[in-house]
Amino acid sequence: MPSTVDTPNAYFTVPESFLPATANIVETPEGYDVVENASLFKRGDTLLIWFCGRQQHVYWAGGALITDDGDAIEGEALDDVRLVGVVTHTIHPVSSDDNPFM
């Protein structure tokens, strides 16, 4: 006797992307960042950059970039900075110890 139980499909397709065409997901040491490539950044925005051979989160403070450590990148040092994009979201792994509510 054939089974009449209907099994759902394991895969589905999404008709449109959840990300705009100008956004990418970039892996970082802390997890993943959703980075917007085409956005013009403004003072206070979090940016993802390459500087001194590593990725860093910084924010734009007018004439300088301020790192997570509080260091300023300014003047001629800005010539060595490669902007990846404006960080719109950060995705941390579930196993991260940074959650204060656990």
PDB file of N, CA and C in Angstrom:
ATOM      1  N   MET A   1       0.839  -1.161   0.000  1.00  0.00           N
ATOM      2  CA  MET A   1       0.000   0.000   0.000  1.00  0.00           C
ATOM      3  C   MET A   1       0.898   1.242   0.000  1.00  0.00           C
ATOM      4  N   PRO A   2       0.747   2.161  -0.935  1.00  0.00           N
ATOM      5  CA  PRO A   2       1.576   3.356  -1.002  1.00  0.00           C
ATOM      6  C   PRO A   2       1.242   4.317   0.131  1.00  0.00           C
ATOM      7  N   SER A   3       2.264   5.018   0.567  1.00  0.00           N
ATOM      8  CA  SER A   3       2.100   5.978   1.651  1.00  0.00           C
ATOM      9  C   SER A   3       1.371   7.226   1.147  1.00  0.00           C
ATOM     10  N   THR A   4       0.449   7.727   1.955  1.00  0.00           N
ATOM     11  CA  THR A   4      -0.282   8.936   1.583  1.00  0.00           C
ATOM     12  C   THR A   4       0.239  10.160   2.332  1.00  0.00           C
ATOM     13  N   VAL A   5       1.302   9.972   3.114  1.00  0.00           N
ATOM     14  CA  VAL A   5       1.866  11.094   3.858  1.00  0.00           C
ATOM     15  C   VAL A   5       2.660  11.959   2.892  1.00  0.00           C
ATOM     16  N   ASP A   6       2.356  13.227   2.889  1.00  0.00           N
ATOM     17  CA  ASP A   6       3.027  14.170   2.006  1.00  0.00           C
ATOM     18  C   ASP A   6       4.234  14.750   2.749  1.00  0.00           C
ATOM     19  N   THR A   7       5.430  14.571   2.206  1.00  0.00           N
ATOM     20  CA  THR A   7       6.619  15.116   2.849  1.00  0.00           C
ATOM     21  C   THR A   7       6.942  16.477   2.245  1.00  0.00           C
ATOM     22  N   PRO A   8       7.253  17.451   3.080  1.00  0.00           N
ATOM     23  CA  PRO A   8       7.578  18.777   2.543  1.00  0.00           C
ATOM     24  C   PRO A   8       8.936  18.755   1.840  1.00  0.00           C
ATOM     25  N   ASN A   9       9.099  19.663   0.897  1.00  0.00           N
ATOM     26  CA  ASN A   9      10.383  19.776   0.210  1.00  0.00           C
ATOM     27  C   ASN A   9      11.423  20.306   1.189  1.00  0.00           C
ATOM     28  N   ALA A  10      12.610  19.768   1.107  1.00  0.00           N
ATOM     29  CA  ALA A  10      13.679  20.182   2.001  1.00  0.00           C
ATOM     30  C   ALA A  10      14.302  21.497   1.553  1.00  0.00           C
ATOM     31  N   TYR A  11      14.150  21.851   0.305  1.00  0.00           N
ATOM     32  CA  TYR A  11      14.764  23.061  -0.228  1.00  0.00           C
ATOM     33  C   TYR A  11      13.698  23.953  -0.840  1.00  0.00           C
ATOM     34  N   PHE A  12      13.946  25.227  -0.810  1.00  0.00           N
ATOM     35  CA  PHE A  12      13.039  26.161  -1.456  1.00  0.00           C
ATOM     36  C   PHE A  12      13.872  27.255  -2.089  1.00  0.00           C
ATOM     37  N   THR A  13      13.290  27.965  -2.994  1.00  0.00           N
ATOM     38  CA  THR A  13      13.990  29.066  -3.633  1.00  0.00           C
ATOM     39  C   THR A  13      13.378  30.381  -3.181  1.00  0.00           C
ATOM     40  N   VAL A  14      14.218  31.376  -3.076  1.00  0.00           N
ATOM     41  CA  VAL A  14      13.771  32.705  -2.701  1.00  0.00           C
ATOM     42  C   VAL A  14      13.736  33.535  -3.970  1.00  0.00           C
ATOM     43  N   PRO A  15      12.584  34.082  -4.321  1.00  0.00           N
ATOM     44  CA  PRO A  15      12.477  34.808  -5.586  1.00  0.00           C
ATOM     45  C   PRO A  15      13.317  36.076  -5.646  1.00  0.00           C
ATOM     46  N   GLU A  16      13.550  36.728  -4.509  1.00  0.00           N
ATOM     47  CA  GLU A  16      14.372  37.930  -4.523  1.00  0.00           C
ATOM     48  C   GLU A  16      15.326  37.888  -3.349  1.00  0.00           C
ATOM     49  N   SER A  17      16.422  38.570  -3.496  1.00  0.00           N
ATOM     50  CA  SER A  17      17.473  38.558  -2.488  1.00  0.00           C
ATOM     51  C   SER A  17      17.053  39.343  -1.252  1.00  0.00           C
ATOM     52  N   PHE A  18      17.538  38.895  -0.105  1.00  0.00           N
ATOM     53  CA  PHE A  18      17.297  39.623   1.136  1.00  0.00           C
ATOM     54  C   PHE A  18      18.223  40.833   1.252  1.00  0.00           C
ATOM     55  N   LEU A  19      19.307  40.828   0.492  1.00  0.00           N
ATOM     56  CA  LEU A  19      20.274  41.921   0.514  1.00  0.00           C
ATOM     57  C   LEU A  19      20.132  42.770  -0.732  1.00  0.00           C
ATOM     58  N   PRO A  20      20.348  44.061  -0.613  1.00  0.00           N
ATOM     59  CA  PRO A  20      20.386  44.871  -1.836  1.00  0.00           C
ATOM     60  C   PRO A  20      21.597  44.469  -2.677  1.00  0.00           C
ATOM     61  N   ALA A  21      21.566  44.808  -3.950  1.00  0.00           N
ATOM     62  CA  ALA A  21      22.645  44.424  -4.864  1.00  0.00           C
ATOM     63  C   ALA A  21      23.974  45.054  -4.475  1.00  0.00           C
ATOM     64  N   THR A  22      23.957  46.132  -3.720  1.00  0.00           N
ATOM     65  CA  THR A  22      25.191  46.822  -3.339  1.00  0.00           C
ATOM     66  C   THR A  22      25.741  46.361  -1.997  1.00  0.00           C
ATOM     67  N   ALA A  23      25.145  45.334  -1.395  1.00  0.00           N
ATOM     68  CA  ALA A  23      25.587  44.845  -0.088  1.00  0.00           C
ATOM     69  C   ALA A  23      26.250  43.482  -0.223  1.00  0.00           C
ATOM     70  N   ASN A  24      27.175  43.216   0.685  1.00  0.00           N
ATOM     71  CA  ASN A  24      27.861  41.931   0.752  1.00  0.00           C
ATOM     72  C   ASN A  24      27.943  41.488   2.191  1.00  0.00           C
ATOM     73  N   ILE A  25      28.130  40.190   2.391  1.00  0.00           N
ATOM     74  CA  ILE A  25      28.404  39.656   3.716  1.00  0.00           C
ATOM     75  C   ILE A  25      29.890  39.332   3.750  1.00  0.00           C
ATOM     76  N   VAL A  26      30.584  39.906   4.737  1.00  0.00           N
ATOM     77  CA  VAL A  26      32.029  39.762   4.851  1.00  0.00           C
ATOM     78  C   VAL A  26      32.349  39.069   6.174  1.00  0.00           C
ATOM     79  N   GLU A  27      33.163  38.018   6.104  1.00  0.00           N
ATOM     80  CA  GLU A  27      33.576  37.327   7.321  1.00  0.00           C
ATOM     81  C   GLU A  27      34.655  38.150   8.021  1.00  0.00           C
ATOM     82  N   THR A  28      34.500  38.321   9.329  1.00  0.00           N
ATOM     83  CA  THR A  28      35.462  39.041  10.151  1.00  0.00           C
ATOM     84  C   THR A  28      35.883  38.129  11.300  1.00  0.00           C
ATOM     85  N   PRO A  29      36.929  38.471  12.035  1.00  0.00           N
ATOM     86  CA  PRO A  29      37.316  37.637  13.181  1.00  0.00           C
ATOM     87  C   PRO A  29      36.222  37.516  14.236  1.00  0.00           C
ATOM     88  N   GLU A  30      35.328  38.494  14.327  1.00  0.00           N
ATOM     89  CA  GLU A  30      34.253  38.461  15.327  1.00  0.00           C
ATOM     90  C   GLU A  30      33.002  37.752  14.846  1.00  0.00           C
ATOM     91  N   GLY A  31      32.865  37.519  13.552  1.00  0.00           N
ATOM     92  CA  GLY A  31      31.662  36.914  12.987  1.00  0.00           C
ATOM     93  C   GLY A  31      31.502  37.323  11.543  1.00  0.00           C
ATOM     94  N   TYR A  32      30.392  37.968  11.232  1.00  0.00           N
ATOM     95  CA  TYR A  32      30.112  38.422   9.872  1.00  0.00           C
ATOM     96  C   TYR A  32      29.552  39.837   9.920  1.00  0.00           C
ATOM     97  N   ASP A  33      29.893  40.621   8.915  1.00  0.00           N
ATOM     98  CA  ASP A  33      29.342  41.969   8.769  1.00  0.00           C
ATOM     99  C   ASP A  33      28.565  42.049   7.468  1.00  0.00           C
ATOM    100  N   VAL A  34      27.425  42.724   7.497  1.00  0.00           N
ATOM    101  CA  VAL A  34      26.726  43.089   6.270  1.00  0.00           C
ATOM    102  C   VAL A  34      27.253  44.474   5.919  1.00  0.00           C
ATOM    103  N   VAL A  35      27.870  44.560   4.745  1.00  0.00           N
ATOM    104  CA  VAL A  35      28.570  45.776   4.348  1.00  0.00           C
ATOM    105  C   VAL A  35      27.932  46.339   3.093  1.00  0.00           C
ATOM    106  N   GLU A  36      27.588  47.602   3.157  1.00  0.00           N
ATOM    107  CA  GLU A  36      27.003  48.321   2.020  1.00  0.00           C
ATOM    108  C   GLU A  36      28.145  49.013   1.274  1.00  0.00           C
ATOM    109  N   ASN A  37      28.299  48.696  -0.002  1.00  0.00           N
ATOM    110  CA  ASN A  37      29.422  49.222  -0.784  1.00  0.00           C
ATOM    111  C   ASN A  37      29.134  50.600  -1.369  1.00  0.00           C
ATOM    112  N   ALA A  38      27.902  50.890  -1.692  1.00  0.00           N
ATOM    113  CA  ALA A  38      27.581  52.109  -2.438  1.00  0.00           C
ATOM    114  C   ALA A  38      27.151  53.269  -1.552  1.00  0.00           C
ATOM    115  N   SER A  39      26.985  53.024  -0.262  1.00  0.00           N
ATOM    116  CA  SER A  39      26.517  54.092   0.629  1.00  0.00           C
ATOM    117  C   SER A  39      27.608  55.121   0.868  1.00  0.00           C
ATOM    118  N   LEU A  40      27.206  56.373   0.866  1.00  0.00           N
ATOM    119  CA  LEU A  40      28.110  57.421   1.303  1.00  0.00           C
ATOM    120  C   LEU A  40      28.087  57.410   2.823  1.00  0.00           C
ATOM    121  N   PHE A  41      29.264  57.390   3.421  1.00  0.00           N
ATOM    122  CA  PHE A  41      29.286  57.344   4.880  1.00  0.00           C
ATOM    123  C   PHE A  41      29.309  58.751   5.442  1.00  0.00           C
ATOM    124  N   LYS A  42      28.840  58.852   6.660  1.00  0.00           N
ATOM    125  CA  LYS A  42      28.799  60.138   7.339  1.00  0.00           C
ATOM    126  C   LYS A  42      29.450  59.994   8.711  1.00  0.00           C
ATOM    127  N   ARG A  43      29.648  61.098   9.356  1.00  0.00           N
ATOM    128  CA  ARG A  43      30.293  61.110  10.666  1.00  0.00           C
ATOM    129  C   ARG A  43      29.569  60.160  11.626  1.00  0.00           C
ATOM    130  N   GLY A  44      30.327  59.285  12.282  1.00  0.00           N
ATOM    131  CA  GLY A  44      29.767  58.359  13.253  1.00  0.00           C
ATOM    132  C   GLY A  44      29.418  56.993  12.700  1.00  0.00           C
ATOM    133  N   ASP A  45      29.402  56.817  11.371  1.00  0.00           N
ATOM    134  CA  ASP A  45      29.113  55.510  10.789  1.00  0.00           C
ATOM    135  C   ASP A  45      30.244  54.533  11.084  1.00  0.00           C
ATOM    136  N   THR A  46      29.896  53.272  11.301  1.00  0.00           N
ATOM    137  CA  THR A  46      30.904  52.235  11.465  1.00  0.00           C
ATOM    138  C   THR A  46      31.329  51.759  10.089  1.00  0.00           C
ATOM    139  N   LEU A  47      32.627  51.722   9.865  1.00  0.00           N
ATOM    140  CA  LEU A  47      33.192  51.316   8.583  1.00  0.00           C
ATOM    141  C   LEU A  47      34.062  50.078   8.790  1.00  0.00           C
ATOM    142  N   LEU A  48      34.142  49.249   7.770  1.00  0.00           N
ATOM    143  CA  LEU A  48      35.066  48.126   7.766  1.00  0.00           C
ATOM    144  C   LEU A  48      36.184  48.498   6.804  1.00  0.00           C
ATOM    145  N   ILE A  49      37.426  48.443   7.286  1.00  0.00           N
ATOM    146  CA  ILE A  49      38.572  48.829   6.465  1.00  0.00           C
ATOM    147  C   ILE A  49      39.642  47.748   6.515  1.00  0.00           C
ATOM    148  N   TRP A  50      40.560  47.801   5.550  1.00  0.00           N
ATOM    149  CA  TRP A  50      41.816  47.046   5.602  1.00  0.00           C
ATOM    150  C   TRP A  50      42.891  48.075   5.902  1.00  0.00           C
ATOM    151  N   PHE A  51      43.674  47.830   6.951  1.00  0.00           N
ATOM    152  CA  PHE A  51      44.762  48.737   7.312  1.00  0.00           C
ATOM    153  C   PHE A  51      45.836  47.924   8.017  1.00  0.00           C
ATOM    154  N   CYS A  52      47.073  48.082   7.586  1.00  0.00           N
ATOM    155  CA  CYS A  52      48.213  47.346   8.159  1.00  0.00           C
ATOM    156  C   CYS A  52      48.012  45.839   8.085  1.00  0.00           C
ATOM    157  N   GLY A  53      47.420  45.370   6.999  1.00  0.00           N
ATOM    158  CA  GLY A  53      47.278  43.936   6.769  1.00  0.00           C
ATOM    159  C   GLY A  53      46.168  43.243   7.523  1.00  0.00           C
ATOM    160  N   ARG A  54      45.255  43.984   8.111  1.00  0.00           N
ATOM    161  CA  ARG A  54      44.132  43.331   8.807  1.00  0.00           C
ATOM    162  C   ARG A  54      42.868  44.164   8.703  1.00  0.00           C
ATOM    163  N   GLN A  55      41.738  43.474   8.909  1.00  0.00           N
ATOM    164  CA  GLN A  55      40.443  44.151   8.898  1.00  0.00           C
ATOM    165  C   GLN A  55      40.265  44.863  10.234  1.00  0.00           C
ATOM    166  N   GLN A  56      39.659  46.029  10.163  1.00  0.00           N
ATOM    167  CA  GLN A  56      39.380  46.772  11.384  1.00  0.00           C
ATOM    168  C   GLN A  56      38.042  47.476  11.255  1.00  0.00           C
ATOM    169  N   HIS A  57      37.337  47.583  12.385  1.00  0.00           N
ATOM    170  CA  HIS A  57      36.150  48.413  12.454  1.00  0.00           C
ATOM    171  C   HIS A  57      36.592  49.783  12.934  1.00  0.00           C
ATOM    172  N   VAL A  58      36.134  50.808  12.255  1.00  0.00           N
ATOM    173  CA  VAL A  58      36.458  52.180  12.632  1.00  0.00           C
ATOM    174  C   VAL A  58      35.202  53.023  12.473  1.00  0.00           C
ATOM    175  N   TYR A  59      35.244  54.217  13.013  1.00  0.00           N
ATOM    176  CA  TYR A  59      34.187  55.170  12.684  1.00  0.00           C
ATOM    177  C   TYR A  59      34.832  56.461  12.226  1.00  0.00           C
ATOM    178  N   TRP A  60      34.119  57.161  11.356  1.00  0.00           N
ATOM    179  CA  TRP A  60      34.616  58.385  10.740  1.00  0.00           C
ATOM    180  C   TRP A  60      34.338  59.542  11.674  1.00  0.00           C
ATOM    181  N   ALA A  61      35.386  60.266  12.041  1.00  0.00           N
ATOM    182  CA  ALA A  61      35.246  61.399  12.943  1.00  0.00           C
ATOM    183  C   ALA A  61      35.765  62.665  12.275  1.00  0.00           C
ATOM    184  N   GLY A  62      35.261  62.956  11.094  1.00  0.00           N
ATOM    185  CA  GLY A  62      35.702  64.151  10.383  1.00  0.00           C
ATOM    186  C   GLY A  62      36.980  63.899   9.615  1.00  0.00           C
ATOM    187  N   GLY A  63      38.125  64.335  10.127  1.00  0.00           N
ATOM    188  CA  GLY A  63      39.385  64.171   9.425  1.00  0.00           C
ATOM    189  C   GLY A  63      40.167  62.942   9.820  1.00  0.00           C
ATOM    190  N   ALA A  64      39.577  62.058  10.624  1.00  0.00           N
ATOM    191  CA  ALA A  64      40.303  60.884  11.098  1.00  0.00           C
ATOM    192  C   ALA A  64      39.361  59.693  11.203  1.00  0.00           C
ATOM    193  N   LEU A  65      39.961  58.499  11.184  1.00  0.00           N
ATOM    194  CA  LEU A  65      39.241  57.264  11.459  1.00  0.00           C
ATOM    195  C   LEU A  65      39.631  56.826  12.865  1.00  0.00           C
ATOM    196  N   ILE A  66      38.648  56.506  13.686  1.00  0.00           N
ATOM    197  CA  ILE A  66      38.903  56.084  15.057  1.00  0.00           C
ATOM    198  C   ILE A  66      38.654  54.582  15.142  1.00  0.00           C
ATOM    199  N   THR A  67      39.669  53.830  15.593  1.00  0.00           N
ATOM    200  CA  THR A  67      39.570  52.370  15.675  1.00  0.00           C
ATOM    201  C   THR A  67      38.842  51.952  16.948  1.00  0.00           C
ATOM    202  N   ASP A  68      38.545  50.644  17.052  1.00  0.00           N
ATOM    203  CA  ASP A  68      37.914  50.112  18.265  1.00  0.00           C
ATOM    204  C   ASP A  68      38.797  50.307  19.495  1.00  0.00           C
ATOM    205  N   ASP A  69      40.119  50.364  19.273  1.00  0.00           N
ATOM    206  CA  ASP A  69      41.057  50.555  20.381  1.00  0.00           C
ATOM    207  C   ASP A  69      41.174  52.013  20.806  1.00  0.00           C
ATOM    208  N   GLY A  70      40.561  52.924  20.047  1.00  0.00           N
ATOM    209  CA  GLY A  70      40.634  54.344  20.352  1.00  0.00           C
ATOM    210  C   GLY A  70      41.762  55.068  19.639  1.00  0.00           C
ATOM    211  N   ASP A  71      42.519  54.331  18.810  1.00  0.00           N
ATOM    212  CA  ASP A  71      43.585  54.972  18.048  1.00  0.00           C
ATOM    213  C   ASP A  71      42.997  55.741  16.876  1.00  0.00           C
ATOM    214  N   ALA A  72      43.681  56.821  16.478  1.00  0.00           N
ATOM    215  CA  ALA A  72      43.241  57.629  15.339  1.00  0.00           C
ATOM    216  C   ALA A  72      44.134  57.341  14.142  1.00  0.00           C
ATOM    217  N   ILE A  73      43.508  57.133  12.992  1.00  0.00           N
ATOM    218  CA  ILE A  73      44.232  57.030  11.729  1.00  0.00           C
ATOM    219  C   ILE A  73      43.941  58.325  10.993  1.00  0.00           C
ATOM    220  N   GLU A  74      44.984  59.113  10.768  1.00  0.00           N
ATOM    221  CA  GLU A  74      44.775  60.414  10.154  1.00  0.00           C
ATOM    222  C   GLU A  74      45.983  60.810   9.324  1.00  0.00           C
ATOM    223  N   GLY A  75      45.833  61.888   8.591  1.00  0.00           N
ATOM    224  CA  GLY A  75      46.930  62.416   7.787  1.00  0.00           C
ATOM    225  C   GLY A  75      47.351  61.467   6.681  1.00  0.00           C
ATOM    226  N   GLU A  76      48.665  61.304   6.502  1.00  0.00           N
ATOM    227  CA  GLU A  76      49.194  60.448   5.441  1.00  0.00           C
ATOM    228  C   GLU A  76      48.875  58.978   5.647  1.00  0.00           C
ATOM    229  N   ALA A  77      48.618  58.567   6.878  1.00  0.00           N
ATOM    230  CA  ALA A  77      48.265  57.170   7.155  1.00  0.00           C
ATOM    231  C   ALA A  77      46.958  56.781   6.465  1.00  0.00           C
ATOM    232  N   LEU A  78      46.085  57.752   6.197  1.00  0.00           N
ATOM    233  CA  LEU A  78      44.827  57.461   5.502  1.00  0.00           C
ATOM    234  C   LEU A  78      45.063  56.957   4.077  1.00  0.00           C
ATOM    235  N   ASP A  79      46.249  57.252   3.508  1.00  0.00           N
ATOM    236  CA  ASP A  79      46.570  56.760   2.161  1.00  0.00           C
ATOM    237  C   ASP A  79      46.691  55.240   2.123  1.00  0.00           C
ATOM    238  N   ASP A  80      46.993  54.608   3.267  1.00  0.00           N
ATOM    239  CA  ASP A  80      47.163  53.153   3.349  1.00  0.00           C
ATOM    240  C   ASP A  80      45.865  52.423   3.689  1.00  0.00           C
ATOM    241  N   VAL A  81      44.773  53.148   3.876  1.00  0.00           N
ATOM    242  CA  VAL A  81      43.484  52.556   4.242  1.00  0.00           C
ATOM    243  C   VAL A  81      42.724  52.169   2.983  1.00  0.00           C
ATOM    244  N   ARG A  82      42.185  50.941   2.979  1.00  0.00           N
ATOM    245  CA  ARG A  82      41.284  50.519   1.899  1.00  0.00           C
ATOM    246  C   ARG A  82      39.905  50.295   2.513  1.00  0.00           C
ATOM    247  N   LEU A  83      38.950  51.086   2.068  1.00  0.00           N
ATOM    248  CA  LEU A  83      37.586  51.000   2.589  1.00  0.00           C
ATOM    249  C   LEU A  83      36.869  49.802   1.985  1.00  0.00           C
ATOM    250  N   VAL A  84      36.345  48.921   2.832  1.00  0.00           N
ATOM    251  CA  VAL A  84      35.526  47.800   2.375  1.00  0.00           C
ATOM    252  C   VAL A  84      34.088  48.267   2.218  1.00  0.00           C
ATOM    253  N   GLY A  85      33.569  49.018   3.193  1.00  0.00           N
ATOM    254  CA  GLY A  85      32.219  49.549   3.098  1.00  0.00           C
ATOM    255  C   GLY A  85      31.667  49.966   4.442  1.00  0.00           C
ATOM    256  N   VAL A  86      30.433  50.426   4.407  1.00  0.00           N
ATOM    257  CA  VAL A  86      29.716  50.847   5.608  1.00  0.00           C
ATOM    258  C   VAL A  86      29.044  49.624   6.223  1.00  0.00           C
ATOM    259  N   VAL A  87      29.295  49.382   7.495  1.00  0.00           N
ATOM    260  CA  VAL A  87      28.719  48.232   8.195  1.00  0.00           C
ATOM    261  C   VAL A  87      27.278  48.579   8.573  1.00  0.00           C
ATOM    262  N   THR A  88      26.332  47.789   8.059  1.00  0.00           N
ATOM    263  CA  THR A  88      24.930  48.010   8.408  1.00  0.00           C
ATOM    264  C   THR A  88      24.450  47.057   9.498  1.00  0.00           C
ATOM    265  N   HIS A  89      25.013  45.841   9.539  1.00  0.00           N
ATOM    266  CA  HIS A  89      24.650  44.845  10.551  1.00  0.00           C
ATOM    267  C   HIS A  89      25.877  44.003  10.870  1.00  0.00           C
ATOM    268  N   THR A  90      25.957  43.523  12.102  1.00  0.00           N
ATOM    269  CA  THR A  90      27.008  42.601  12.508  1.00  0.00           C
ATOM    270  C   THR A  90      26.330  41.336  13.026  1.00  0.00           C
ATOM    271  N   ILE A  91      26.820  40.192  12.570  1.00  0.00           N
ATOM    272  CA  ILE A  91      26.260  38.897  12.962  1.00  0.00           C
ATOM    273  C   ILE A  91      27.320  38.169  13.770  1.00  0.00           C
ATOM    274  N   HIS A  92      27.028  37.924  15.048  1.00  0.00           N
ATOM    275  CA  HIS A  92      27.962  37.221  15.921  1.00  0.00           C
ATOM    276  C   HIS A  92      27.553  35.760  16.022  1.00  0.00           C
ATOM    277  N   PRO A  93      28.510  34.834  16.106  1.00  0.00           N
ATOM    278  CA  PRO A  93      28.161  33.422  16.264  1.00  0.00           C
ATOM    279  C   PRO A  93      27.480  33.176  17.606  1.00  0.00           C
ATOM    280  N   VAL A  94      26.657  32.170  17.659  1.00  0.00           N
ATOM    281  CA  VAL A  94      25.936  31.838  18.886  1.00  0.00           C
ATOM    282  C   VAL A  94      26.910  31.447  19.989  1.00  0.00           C
ATOM    283  N   SER A  95      28.027  30.860  19.622  1.00  0.00           N
ATOM    284  CA  SER A  95      28.999  30.401  20.607  1.00  0.00           C
ATOM    285  C   SER A  95      29.862  31.521  21.170  1.00  0.00           C
ATOM    286  N   SER A  96      29.606  32.757  20.783  1.00  0.00           N
ATOM    287  CA  SER A  96      30.394  33.896  21.244  1.00  0.00           C
ATOM    288  C   SER A  96      30.193  34.127  22.738  1.00  0.00           C
ATOM    289  N   ASP A  97      31.266  34.457  23.438  1.00  0.00           N
ATOM    290  CA  ASP A  97      31.193  34.736  24.874  1.00  0.00           C
ATOM    291  C   ASP A  97      30.848  36.191  25.165  1.00  0.00           C
ATOM    292  N   ASP A  98      30.580  36.995  24.137  1.00  0.00           N
ATOM    293  CA  ASP A  98      30.337  38.412  24.321  1.00  0.00           C
ATOM    294  C   ASP A  98      28.916  38.738  24.768  1.00  0.00           C
ATOM    295  N   ASN A  99      28.044  37.744  24.908  1.00  0.00           N
ATOM    296  CA  ASN A  99      26.661  37.991  25.261  1.00  0.00           C
ATOM    297  C   ASN A  99      26.540  38.174  26.764  1.00  0.00           C
ATOM    298  N   PRO A 100      26.185  39.360  27.249  1.00  0.00           N
ATOM    299  CA  PRO A 100      26.106  39.595  28.692  1.00  0.00           C
ATOM    300  C   PRO A 100      24.886  38.951  29.345  1.00  0.00           C
ATOM    301  N   PHE A 101      23.949  38.441  28.554  1.00  0.00           N
ATOM    302  CA  PHE A 101      22.720  37.895  29.109  1.00  0.00           C
ATOM    303  C   PHE A 101      22.788  36.400  29.367  1.00  0.00           C
ATOM    304  N   MET A 102      23.911  35.791  29.098  1.00  0.00           N
ATOM    305  CA  MET A 102      24.028  34.330  29.300  1.00  0.00           C
ATOM    306  C   MET A 102      24.525  34.022  30.670  1.00  0.00           C
TER     307      MET A 102
END
